[in-house]
Amino acid sequence: MDENLVERKYVDAAVVAFAEKGFFGTTMNDIADAAGVSQPRISQVFDGKESAFLLAHAEARTVALDALRGAAAKPYDPARLGQAVLSLVQQNRPAMQIILHATSASVTPEIGIACREVIGSIVSILVDDCGATPAEARAFLAEGFLSIVLASTETFPHLDEHPGLGLLAQGMQELGSPEARNPGGRA
């Protein structure tokens, strides 16, 4: 499917639907509901659920990589880059949720390819554009994905549910801010 032929509103609807329920939990009818059209119409737009997810993931990938590239500069500064990730979570939570959902759906070959593309691109930006060592890139990627998981799972308002959560969240309080939990007033 040529993503240039798919209207913006349909890709946006796919992002919303997949961010909410993930690849396995979303139906074509969910995407149609998000777009405000009939399920037969959405089936004319996308070549199937995998196609719709790949277009939503491509949108999320662009948003995420553009944000990281926008903060990329030498010397390597993980705090500056971490702030870019935090801003991304705050401003575009659905995109970050799509990135996370893609990791669990990567058993689907084409989604796995797209997922690995994101990871490889992040590492390339960190090493090539920011001057990070491969070890620093691995550490940043690990903490970045952890941060996104904690913000997406709304862990911070629930630190009292398990003693380990408080230990894990130490030093990451900014991700527990109201803006990170509810970016732009969206759920």
N, C-alpha and C. Protein backbone atom coordinates (compact mmCIF):
# COMPACT_ATOMS: atom_id res chain seq x y z
N MET A 1 0.86 -1.18 0.00
CA MET A 1 0.00 0.00 0.00
C MET A 1 0.90 1.24 0.00
N ASP A 2 0.57 2.16 -0.84
CA ASP A 2 1.31 3.41 -0.91
C ASP A 2 0.78 4.36 0.15
N GLU A 3 1.62 4.65 1.15
CA GLU A 3 1.16 5.51 2.24
C GLU A 3 0.83 6.92 1.78
N ASN A 4 1.34 7.34 0.64
CA ASN A 4 1.00 8.66 0.12
C ASN A 4 -0.45 8.74 -0.36
N LEU A 5 -1.05 7.58 -0.64
CA LEU A 5 -2.43 7.55 -1.14
C LEU A 5 -3.45 7.50 0.00
N VAL A 6 -3.01 7.22 1.21
CA VAL A 6 -3.93 7.12 2.34
C VAL A 6 -4.10 8.50 2.96
N GLU A 7 -5.35 8.92 3.05
CA GLU A 7 -5.63 10.23 3.62
C GLU A 7 -5.17 10.31 5.07
N ARG A 8 -4.73 11.48 5.43
CA ARG A 8 -4.21 11.76 6.77
C ARG A 8 -5.19 11.32 7.86
N LYS A 9 -6.49 11.57 7.67
CA LYS A 9 -7.47 11.27 8.72
C LYS A 9 -7.52 9.77 9.01
N TYR A 10 -7.25 8.94 8.00
CA TYR A 10 -7.29 7.50 8.22
C TYR A 10 -6.05 7.01 8.97
N VAL A 11 -4.92 7.59 8.65
CA VAL A 11 -3.70 7.25 9.39
C VAL A 11 -3.84 7.71 10.84
N ASP A 12 -4.35 8.92 11.05
CA ASP A 12 -4.56 9.43 12.41
C ASP A 12 -5.51 8.53 13.18
N ALA A 13 -6.57 8.07 12.53
CA ALA A 13 -7.52 7.16 13.19
C ALA A 13 -6.85 5.85 13.55
N ALA A 14 -6.00 5.34 12.67
CA ALA A 14 -5.28 4.10 12.97
C ALA A 14 -4.34 4.30 14.16
N VAL A 15 -3.66 5.45 14.22
CA VAL A 15 -2.79 5.74 15.37
C VAL A 15 -3.60 5.71 16.66
N VAL A 16 -4.73 6.39 16.66
CA VAL A 16 -5.57 6.44 17.87
C VAL A 16 -6.02 5.04 18.27
N ALA A 17 -6.54 4.27 17.32
CA ALA A 17 -7.06 2.94 17.63
C ALA A 17 -5.96 2.00 18.12
N PHE A 18 -4.84 1.97 17.41
CA PHE A 18 -3.76 1.07 17.81
C PHE A 18 -3.09 1.51 19.11
N ALA A 19 -2.99 2.81 19.35
CA ALA A 19 -2.41 3.28 20.61
C ALA A 19 -3.25 2.81 21.78
N GLU A 20 -4.55 2.79 21.60
CA GLU A 20 -5.45 2.39 22.69
C GLU A 20 -5.44 0.90 22.95
N LYS A 21 -5.48 0.08 21.89
CA LYS A 21 -5.67 -1.36 22.08
C LYS A 21 -4.53 -2.23 21.58
N GLY A 22 -3.53 -1.64 20.97
CA GLY A 22 -2.43 -2.44 20.44
C GLY A 22 -2.80 -3.13 19.15
N PHE A 23 -1.82 -3.82 18.58
CA PHE A 23 -2.04 -4.49 17.30
C PHE A 23 -3.04 -5.62 17.44
N PHE A 24 -2.83 -6.46 18.44
CA PHE A 24 -3.67 -7.65 18.57
C PHE A 24 -5.08 -7.34 19.06
N GLY A 25 -5.26 -6.26 19.80
CA GLY A 25 -6.56 -5.94 20.34
C GLY A 25 -7.42 -5.05 19.46
N THR A 26 -6.83 -4.48 18.42
CA THR A 26 -7.55 -3.54 17.55
C THR A 26 -8.15 -4.28 16.36
N THR A 27 -9.37 -3.90 16.02
CA THR A 27 -10.03 -4.44 14.84
C THR A 27 -10.14 -3.35 13.78
N MET A 28 -10.42 -3.75 12.59
CA MET A 28 -10.65 -2.77 11.52
C MET A 28 -11.86 -1.91 11.87
N ASN A 29 -12.83 -2.48 12.57
CA ASN A 29 -13.98 -1.71 13.00
C ASN A 29 -13.58 -0.62 13.99
N ASP A 30 -12.60 -0.90 14.87
CA ASP A 30 -12.10 0.12 15.80
C ASP A 30 -11.50 1.30 15.03
N ILE A 31 -10.77 0.99 13.97
CA ILE A 31 -10.17 2.05 13.16
C ILE A 31 -11.27 2.84 12.45
N ALA A 32 -12.25 2.13 11.93
CA ALA A 32 -13.38 2.80 11.27
C ALA A 32 -14.10 3.72 12.25
N ASP A 33 -14.33 3.24 13.48
CA ASP A 33 -14.98 4.07 14.49
C ASP A 33 -14.16 5.33 14.78
N ALA A 34 -12.85 5.16 14.90
CA ALA A 34 -11.98 6.31 15.18
C ALA A 34 -11.99 7.31 14.02
N ALA A 35 -12.17 6.81 12.80
CA ALA A 35 -12.19 7.68 11.61
C ALA A 35 -13.59 8.24 11.34
N GLY A 36 -14.59 7.66 12.01
CA GLY A 36 -15.96 8.11 11.77
C GLY A 36 -16.52 7.66 10.43
N VAL A 37 -16.06 6.49 9.97
CA VAL A 37 -16.55 5.94 8.71
C VAL A 37 -16.98 4.49 8.94
N SER A 38 -17.54 3.88 7.92
CA SER A 38 -17.98 2.50 8.04
C SER A 38 -16.79 1.55 7.95
N GLN A 39 -16.98 0.34 8.46
CA GLN A 39 -15.92 -0.67 8.40
C GLN A 39 -15.62 -1.04 6.94
N PRO A 40 -16.63 -1.16 6.06
CA PRO A 40 -16.28 -1.42 4.66
C PRO A 40 -15.41 -0.32 4.05
N ARG A 41 -15.64 0.92 4.42
CA ARG A 41 -14.83 2.02 3.90
C ARG A 41 -13.39 1.88 4.36
N ILE A 42 -13.19 1.57 5.65
CA ILE A 42 -11.82 1.46 6.15
C ILE A 42 -11.11 0.27 5.51
N SER A 43 -11.88 -0.78 5.16
CA SER A 43 -11.28 -1.92 4.47
C SER A 43 -10.88 -1.57 3.04
N GLN A 44 -11.53 -0.55 2.46
CA GLN A 44 -11.11 -0.07 1.14
C GLN A 44 -9.84 0.77 1.24
N VAL A 45 -9.66 1.41 2.38
CA VAL A 45 -8.51 2.30 2.57
C VAL A 45 -7.25 1.50 2.85
N PHE A 46 -7.35 0.52 3.75
CA PHE A 46 -6.19 -0.27 4.15
C PHE A 46 -6.30 -1.69 3.59
N ASP A 47 -5.17 -2.28 3.30
CA ASP A 47 -5.12 -3.65 2.79
C ASP A 47 -5.23 -4.67 3.92
N GLY A 48 -5.70 -4.26 5.07
CA GLY A 48 -5.82 -5.15 6.22
C GLY A 48 -5.25 -4.49 7.46
N LYS A 49 -5.40 -5.18 8.57
CA LYS A 49 -4.98 -4.62 9.85
C LYS A 49 -3.47 -4.41 9.91
N GLU A 50 -2.70 -5.34 9.39
CA GLU A 50 -1.24 -5.19 9.41
C GLU A 50 -0.81 -3.96 8.62
N SER A 51 -1.43 -3.75 7.48
CA SER A 51 -1.13 -2.57 6.66
C SER A 51 -1.44 -1.29 7.43
N ALA A 52 -2.60 -1.26 8.09
CA ALA A 52 -2.98 -0.09 8.88
C ALA A 52 -2.00 0.14 10.02
N PHE A 53 -1.58 -0.94 10.68
CA PHE A 53 -0.64 -0.79 11.78
C PHE A 53 0.70 -0.28 11.28
N LEU A 54 1.15 -0.80 10.16
CA LEU A 54 2.45 -0.36 9.64
C LEU A 54 2.43 1.12 9.27
N LEU A 55 1.31 1.62 8.75
CA LEU A 55 1.22 3.04 8.46
C LEU A 55 1.18 3.86 9.75
N ALA A 56 0.45 3.37 10.76
CA ALA A 56 0.42 4.06 12.06
C ALA A 56 1.80 4.05 12.69
N HIS A 57 2.50 2.93 12.58
CA HIS A 57 3.85 2.82 13.14
C HIS A 57 4.81 3.73 12.39
N ALA A 58 4.67 3.83 11.08
CA ALA A 58 5.53 4.73 10.30
C ALA A 58 5.34 6.17 10.78
N GLU A 59 4.11 6.54 11.06
CA GLU A 59 3.83 7.89 11.59
C GLU A 59 4.51 8.07 12.95
N ALA A 60 4.34 7.08 13.83
CA ALA A 60 4.95 7.15 15.16
C ALA A 60 6.47 7.18 15.07
N ARG A 61 7.01 6.37 14.20
CA ARG A 61 8.47 6.33 14.01
C ARG A 61 8.98 7.69 13.57
N THR A 62 8.30 8.33 12.63
CA THR A 62 8.71 9.65 12.16
C THR A 62 8.69 10.65 13.30
N VAL A 63 7.62 10.65 14.07
CA VAL A 63 7.50 11.58 15.20
C VAL A 63 8.64 11.35 16.20
N ALA A 64 8.88 10.11 16.56
CA ALA A 64 9.90 9.79 17.56
C ALA A 64 11.30 10.13 17.07
N LEU A 65 11.62 9.73 15.86
CA LEU A 65 12.98 9.98 15.35
C LEU A 65 13.21 11.46 15.09
N ASP A 66 12.19 12.17 14.62
CA ASP A 66 12.34 13.62 14.42
C ASP A 66 12.60 14.32 15.75
N ALA A 67 11.92 13.90 16.81
CA ALA A 67 12.14 14.50 18.13
C ALA A 67 13.57 14.25 18.60
N LEU A 68 14.05 13.03 18.41
CA LEU A 68 15.41 12.72 18.83
C LEU A 68 16.44 13.46 17.99
N ARG A 69 16.21 13.51 16.69
CA ARG A 69 17.13 14.26 15.81
C ARG A 69 17.15 15.74 16.17
N GLY A 70 16.00 16.26 16.58
CA GLY A 70 15.92 17.67 16.95
C GLY A 70 16.76 18.01 18.18
N ALA A 71 17.01 17.01 19.01
CA ALA A 71 17.83 17.23 20.21
C ALA A 71 19.26 16.73 20.03
N ALA A 72 19.55 16.15 18.89
CA ALA A 72 20.87 15.56 18.65
C ALA A 72 21.93 16.64 18.45
N ALA A 73 22.99 16.51 19.20
CA ALA A 73 24.14 17.40 19.06
C ALA A 73 25.30 16.79 19.83
N LYS A 74 26.49 17.12 19.40
CA LYS A 74 27.68 16.69 20.12
C LYS A 74 28.08 17.80 21.06
N PRO A 75 28.61 17.53 22.21
CA PRO A 75 28.90 16.22 22.76
C PRO A 75 27.64 15.52 23.25
N TYR A 76 27.76 14.22 23.41
CA TYR A 76 26.65 13.40 23.89
C TYR A 76 26.19 13.91 25.25
N ASP A 77 24.91 14.19 25.35
CA ASP A 77 24.31 14.68 26.59
C ASP A 77 23.02 13.92 26.84
N PRO A 78 23.08 12.85 27.64
CA PRO A 78 21.88 12.05 27.86
C PRO A 78 20.75 12.83 28.53
N ALA A 79 21.07 13.83 29.32
CA ALA A 79 20.02 14.64 29.96
C ALA A 79 19.23 15.43 28.91
N ARG A 80 19.93 16.02 27.95
CA ARG A 80 19.26 16.77 26.89
C ARG A 80 18.37 15.83 26.06
N LEU A 81 18.90 14.68 25.72
CA LEU A 81 18.14 13.72 24.93
C LEU A 81 16.98 13.13 25.73
N GLY A 82 17.22 12.91 27.02
CA GLY A 82 16.15 12.42 27.89
C GLY A 82 15.00 13.41 27.98
N GLN A 83 15.33 14.69 28.01
CA GLN A 83 14.30 15.72 28.03
C GLN A 83 13.49 15.69 26.73
N ALA A 84 14.15 15.40 25.62
CA ALA A 84 13.44 15.30 24.34
C ALA A 84 12.47 14.13 24.37
N VAL A 85 12.89 13.02 24.97
CA VAL A 85 12.00 11.86 25.08
C VAL A 85 10.84 12.18 25.99
N LEU A 86 11.10 12.84 27.12
CA LEU A 86 10.04 13.23 28.04
C LEU A 86 9.04 14.15 27.34
N SER A 87 9.54 15.12 26.60
CA SER A 87 8.65 16.03 25.87
C SER A 87 7.81 15.26 24.86
N LEU A 88 8.42 14.28 24.21
CA LEU A 88 7.69 13.47 23.24
C LEU A 88 6.57 12.69 23.93
N VAL A 89 6.87 12.09 25.07
CA VAL A 89 5.85 11.35 25.82
C VAL A 89 4.72 12.30 26.22
N GLN A 90 5.10 13.50 26.64
CA GLN A 90 4.09 14.47 27.08
C GLN A 90 3.25 14.99 25.91
N GLN A 91 3.86 15.18 24.76
CA GLN A 91 3.17 15.81 23.64
C GLN A 91 2.52 14.82 22.69
N ASN A 92 3.02 13.60 22.64
CA ASN A 92 2.48 12.65 21.68
C ASN A 92 2.51 11.23 22.25
N ARG A 93 1.77 11.06 23.31
CA ARG A 93 1.70 9.75 23.96
C ARG A 93 1.25 8.65 23.00
N PRO A 94 0.24 8.88 22.13
CA PRO A 94 -0.15 7.80 21.22
C PRO A 94 1.00 7.29 20.35
N ALA A 95 1.85 8.17 19.87
CA ALA A 95 2.98 7.72 19.06
C ALA A 95 3.89 6.81 19.86
N MET A 96 4.15 7.17 21.11
CA MET A 96 5.03 6.34 21.93
C MET A 96 4.36 5.01 22.26
N GLN A 97 3.05 5.01 22.44
CA GLN A 97 2.35 3.76 22.70
C GLN A 97 2.40 2.84 21.48
N ILE A 98 2.33 3.40 20.29
CA ILE A 98 2.45 2.60 19.07
C ILE A 98 3.83 1.94 19.02
N ILE A 99 4.87 2.69 19.34
CA ILE A 99 6.23 2.13 19.36
C ILE A 99 6.30 0.95 20.32
N LEU A 100 5.70 1.11 21.50
CA LEU A 100 5.69 0.02 22.48
C LEU A 100 4.86 -1.17 21.99
N HIS A 101 3.68 -0.90 21.45
CA HIS A 101 2.84 -1.99 20.94
C HIS A 101 3.55 -2.76 19.83
N ALA A 102 4.33 -2.06 19.04
CA ALA A 102 5.04 -2.73 17.95
C ALA A 102 6.01 -3.77 18.48
N THR A 103 6.62 -3.51 19.63
CA THR A 103 7.57 -4.49 20.16
C THR A 103 6.87 -5.80 20.49
N SER A 104 5.65 -5.73 21.02
CA SER A 104 4.94 -6.97 21.34
C SER A 104 4.37 -7.64 20.09
N ALA A 105 4.17 -6.88 19.03
CA ALA A 105 3.64 -7.43 17.78
C ALA A 105 4.75 -7.79 16.80
N SER A 106 5.99 -7.70 17.22
CA SER A 106 7.11 -7.93 16.31
C SER A 106 7.25 -9.38 15.87
N VAL A 107 6.43 -10.28 16.43
CA VAL A 107 6.40 -11.66 15.93
C VAL A 107 5.80 -11.69 14.52
N THR A 108 5.07 -10.66 14.16
CA THR A 108 4.58 -10.50 12.79
C THR A 108 5.76 -9.96 11.98
N PRO A 109 6.22 -10.70 10.98
CA PRO A 109 7.49 -10.35 10.32
C PRO A 109 7.65 -8.90 9.89
N GLU A 110 6.68 -8.32 9.22
CA GLU A 110 6.82 -6.93 8.75
C GLU A 110 6.87 -5.94 9.90
N ILE A 111 6.14 -6.22 10.97
CA ILE A 111 6.18 -5.35 12.15
C ILE A 111 7.53 -5.49 12.84
N GLY A 112 8.07 -6.69 12.87
CA GLY A 112 9.40 -6.90 13.43
C GLY A 112 10.46 -6.10 12.69
N ILE A 113 10.36 -6.08 11.37
CA ILE A 113 11.29 -5.29 10.55
C ILE A 113 11.17 -3.82 10.91
N ALA A 114 9.94 -3.32 11.00
CA ALA A 114 9.72 -1.90 11.33
C ALA A 114 10.25 -1.57 12.71
N CYS A 115 10.06 -2.50 13.65
CA CYS A 115 10.55 -2.30 15.02
C CYS A 115 12.08 -2.21 15.06
N ARG A 116 12.71 -3.11 14.39
CA ARG A 116 14.18 -3.11 14.36
C ARG A 116 14.72 -1.86 13.68
N GLU A 117 13.98 -1.35 12.70
CA GLU A 117 14.36 -0.11 12.03
C GLU A 117 14.40 1.05 13.02
N VAL A 118 13.39 1.12 13.89
CA VAL A 118 13.35 2.18 14.90
C VAL A 118 14.55 2.06 15.83
N ILE A 119 14.78 0.87 16.34
CA ILE A 119 15.88 0.66 17.28
C ILE A 119 17.22 1.01 16.63
N GLY A 120 17.44 0.51 15.42
CA GLY A 120 18.69 0.81 14.72
C GLY A 120 18.86 2.29 14.45
N SER A 121 17.77 2.95 14.08
CA SER A 121 17.83 4.39 13.81
C SER A 121 18.16 5.18 15.06
N ILE A 122 17.57 4.79 16.19
CA ILE A 122 17.87 5.47 17.46
C ILE A 122 19.35 5.33 17.78
N VAL A 123 19.87 4.13 17.67
CA VAL A 123 21.29 3.91 17.97
C VAL A 123 22.16 4.72 17.02
N SER A 124 21.83 4.75 15.74
CA SER A 124 22.61 5.54 14.78
C SER A 124 22.60 7.02 15.13
N ILE A 125 21.44 7.55 15.51
CA ILE A 125 21.37 8.96 15.90
C ILE A 125 22.25 9.21 17.12
N LEU A 126 22.15 8.33 18.11
CA LEU A 126 22.94 8.51 19.34
C LEU A 126 24.43 8.47 19.06
N VAL A 127 24.87 7.50 18.27
CA VAL A 127 26.31 7.32 18.01
C VAL A 127 26.80 8.33 16.98
N ASP A 128 26.13 8.41 15.84
CA ASP A 128 26.62 9.24 14.74
C ASP A 128 26.40 10.74 14.97
N ASP A 129 25.20 11.09 15.44
CA ASP A 129 24.85 12.51 15.56
C ASP A 129 25.17 13.11 16.92
N CYS A 130 25.24 12.24 17.94
CA CYS A 130 25.45 12.76 19.30
C CYS A 130 26.82 12.39 19.87
N GLY A 131 27.51 11.47 19.24
CA GLY A 131 28.83 11.09 19.72
C GLY A 131 28.82 10.10 20.88
N ALA A 132 27.69 9.42 21.11
CA ALA A 132 27.63 8.43 22.18
C ALA A 132 28.46 7.21 21.80
N THR A 133 28.98 6.54 22.79
CA THR A 133 29.62 5.25 22.55
C THR A 133 28.50 4.21 22.40
N PRO A 134 28.81 3.05 21.83
CA PRO A 134 27.77 2.01 21.76
C PRO A 134 27.22 1.65 23.15
N ALA A 135 28.05 1.63 24.17
CA ALA A 135 27.58 1.33 25.53
C ALA A 135 26.64 2.43 26.03
N GLU A 136 26.99 3.68 25.75
CA GLU A 136 26.10 4.79 26.15
C GLU A 136 24.77 4.73 25.39
N ALA A 137 24.84 4.35 24.12
CA ALA A 137 23.61 4.23 23.34
C ALA A 137 22.72 3.13 23.91
N ARG A 138 23.31 1.99 24.29
CA ARG A 138 22.53 0.90 24.90
C ARG A 138 21.89 1.35 26.20
N ALA A 139 22.64 2.05 27.03
CA ALA A 139 22.11 2.52 28.31
C ALA A 139 20.99 3.53 28.09
N PHE A 140 21.15 4.43 27.14
CA PHE A 140 20.11 5.42 26.85
C PHE A 140 18.86 4.75 26.33
N LEU A 141 19.03 3.80 25.42
CA LEU A 141 17.89 3.09 24.86
C LEU A 141 17.15 2.32 25.96
N ALA A 142 17.89 1.68 26.83
CA ALA A 142 17.26 0.92 27.92
C ALA A 142 16.47 1.84 28.84
N GLU A 143 17.07 2.92 29.26
CA GLU A 143 16.37 3.84 30.15
C GLU A 143 15.24 4.56 29.43
N GLY A 144 15.43 4.87 28.16
CA GLY A 144 14.38 5.53 27.39
C GLY A 144 13.14 4.65 27.26
N PHE A 145 13.35 3.39 26.90
CA PHE A 145 12.20 2.49 26.79
C PHE A 145 11.54 2.28 28.15
N LEU A 146 12.35 2.17 29.19
CA LEU A 146 11.79 2.04 30.54
C LEU A 146 10.95 3.26 30.89
N SER A 147 11.45 4.44 30.58
CA SER A 147 10.72 5.67 30.87
C SER A 147 9.39 5.70 30.14
N ILE A 148 9.40 5.29 28.89
CA ILE A 148 8.17 5.28 28.11
C ILE A 148 7.19 4.26 28.67
N VAL A 149 7.69 3.11 29.07
CA VAL A 149 6.82 2.10 29.67
C VAL A 149 6.21 2.62 30.97
N LEU A 150 7.02 3.24 31.82
CA LEU A 150 6.51 3.75 33.09
C LEU A 150 5.47 4.84 32.88
N ALA A 151 5.73 5.74 31.95
CA ALA A 151 4.76 6.80 31.69
C ALA A 151 3.49 6.23 31.05
N SER A 152 3.64 5.32 30.11
CA SER A 152 2.48 4.75 29.42
C SER A 152 1.61 3.90 30.32
N THR A 153 2.21 3.23 31.28
CA THR A 153 1.44 2.39 32.19
C THR A 153 0.95 3.15 33.41
N GLU A 154 1.18 4.47 33.39
CA GLU A 154 0.73 5.34 34.49
C GLU A 154 1.20 4.79 35.85
N THR A 155 2.46 4.42 35.89
CA THR A 155 3.05 3.84 37.09
C THR A 155 3.14 4.86 38.22
N PHE A 156 3.46 6.09 37.90
CA PHE A 156 3.76 7.07 38.95
C PHE A 156 2.62 7.35 39.91
N PRO A 157 1.38 7.42 39.48
CA PRO A 157 0.31 7.63 40.46
C PRO A 157 0.04 6.38 41.31
N HIS A 158 0.69 5.27 40.97
CA HIS A 158 0.42 4.01 41.64
C HIS A 158 1.66 3.40 42.30
N LEU A 159 2.59 4.24 42.70
CA LEU A 159 3.84 3.74 43.29
C LEU A 159 3.60 2.96 44.57
N ASP A 160 2.49 3.21 45.24
CA ASP A 160 2.20 2.52 46.48
C ASP A 160 1.67 1.10 46.27
N GLU A 161 1.41 0.71 45.04
CA GLU A 161 0.88 -0.62 44.78
C GLU A 161 1.91 -1.72 45.00
N HIS A 162 3.19 -1.38 44.90
CA HIS A 162 4.25 -2.38 45.11
C HIS A 162 5.51 -1.64 45.52
N PRO A 163 6.23 -2.13 46.55
CA PRO A 163 7.43 -1.41 46.99
C PRO A 163 8.50 -1.28 45.90
N GLY A 164 8.56 -2.23 44.99
CA GLY A 164 9.55 -2.17 43.92
C GLY A 164 9.32 -1.03 42.97
N LEU A 165 8.07 -0.60 42.83
CA LEU A 165 7.78 0.50 41.91
C LEU A 165 8.42 1.80 42.37
N GLY A 166 8.39 2.05 43.67
CA GLY A 166 9.02 3.25 44.20
C GLY A 166 10.52 3.24 43.98
N LEU A 167 11.13 2.09 44.16
CA LEU A 167 12.58 1.97 43.93
C LEU A 167 12.91 2.19 42.46
N LEU A 168 12.09 1.62 41.60
CA LEU A 168 12.33 1.75 40.16
C LEU A 168 12.20 3.20 39.71
N ALA A 169 11.24 3.91 40.27
CA ALA A 169 10.93 5.26 39.82
C ALA A 169 11.83 6.34 40.42
N GLN A 170 12.70 5.98 41.35
CA GLN A 170 13.57 7.00 41.94
C GLN A 170 14.38 7.69 40.85
N GLY A 171 14.38 9.00 40.91
CA GLY A 171 15.14 9.78 39.94
C GLY A 171 14.41 10.00 38.63
N MET A 172 13.18 9.49 38.53
CA MET A 172 12.43 9.64 37.29
C MET A 172 11.11 10.36 37.56
N GLN A 173 11.06 11.16 38.59
CA GLN A 173 9.82 11.80 39.00
C GLN A 173 9.22 12.68 37.92
N GLU A 174 10.05 13.27 37.07
CA GLU A 174 9.51 14.14 36.03
C GLU A 174 8.55 13.39 35.12
N LEU A 175 8.74 12.09 34.98
CA LEU A 175 7.81 11.31 34.16
C LEU A 175 6.48 11.11 34.87
N GLY A 176 6.45 11.36 36.16
CA GLY A 176 5.20 11.24 36.91
C GLY A 176 4.42 12.54 36.97
N SER A 177 4.89 13.56 36.29
CA SER A 177 4.20 14.85 36.31
C SER A 177 2.81 14.71 35.70
N PRO A 178 1.89 15.57 36.06
CA PRO A 178 0.56 15.51 35.45
C PRO A 178 0.60 15.58 33.93
N GLU A 179 1.56 16.34 33.38
CA GLU A 179 1.66 16.46 31.92
C GLU A 179 2.06 15.13 31.28
N ALA A 180 2.95 14.38 31.94
CA ALA A 180 3.36 13.09 31.38
C ALA A 180 2.24 12.06 31.50
N ARG A 181 1.48 12.15 32.61
CA ARG A 181 0.39 11.21 32.79
C ARG A 181 -0.80 11.53 31.89
N ASN A 182 -0.98 12.78 31.58
CA ASN A 182 -2.15 13.21 30.82
C ASN A 182 -1.74 14.30 29.84
N PRO A 183 -0.92 13.97 28.83
CA PRO A 183 -0.39 14.98 27.93
C PRO A 183 -1.49 15.68 27.16
N GLY A 184 -1.43 16.98 27.14
CA GLY A 184 -2.38 17.76 26.36
C GLY A 184 -3.82 17.58 26.78
N GLY A 185 -4.02 17.09 28.02
CA GLY A 185 -5.37 16.88 28.50
C GLY A 185 -6.02 15.64 27.94
N ARG A 186 -5.23 14.80 27.19
CA ARG A 186 -5.78 13.57 26.62
C ARG A 186 -5.53 12.42 27.58
N ALA A 187 -6.34 11.40 27.46
CA ALA A 187 -6.17 10.20 28.30
C ALA A 187 -5.06 9.34 27.74
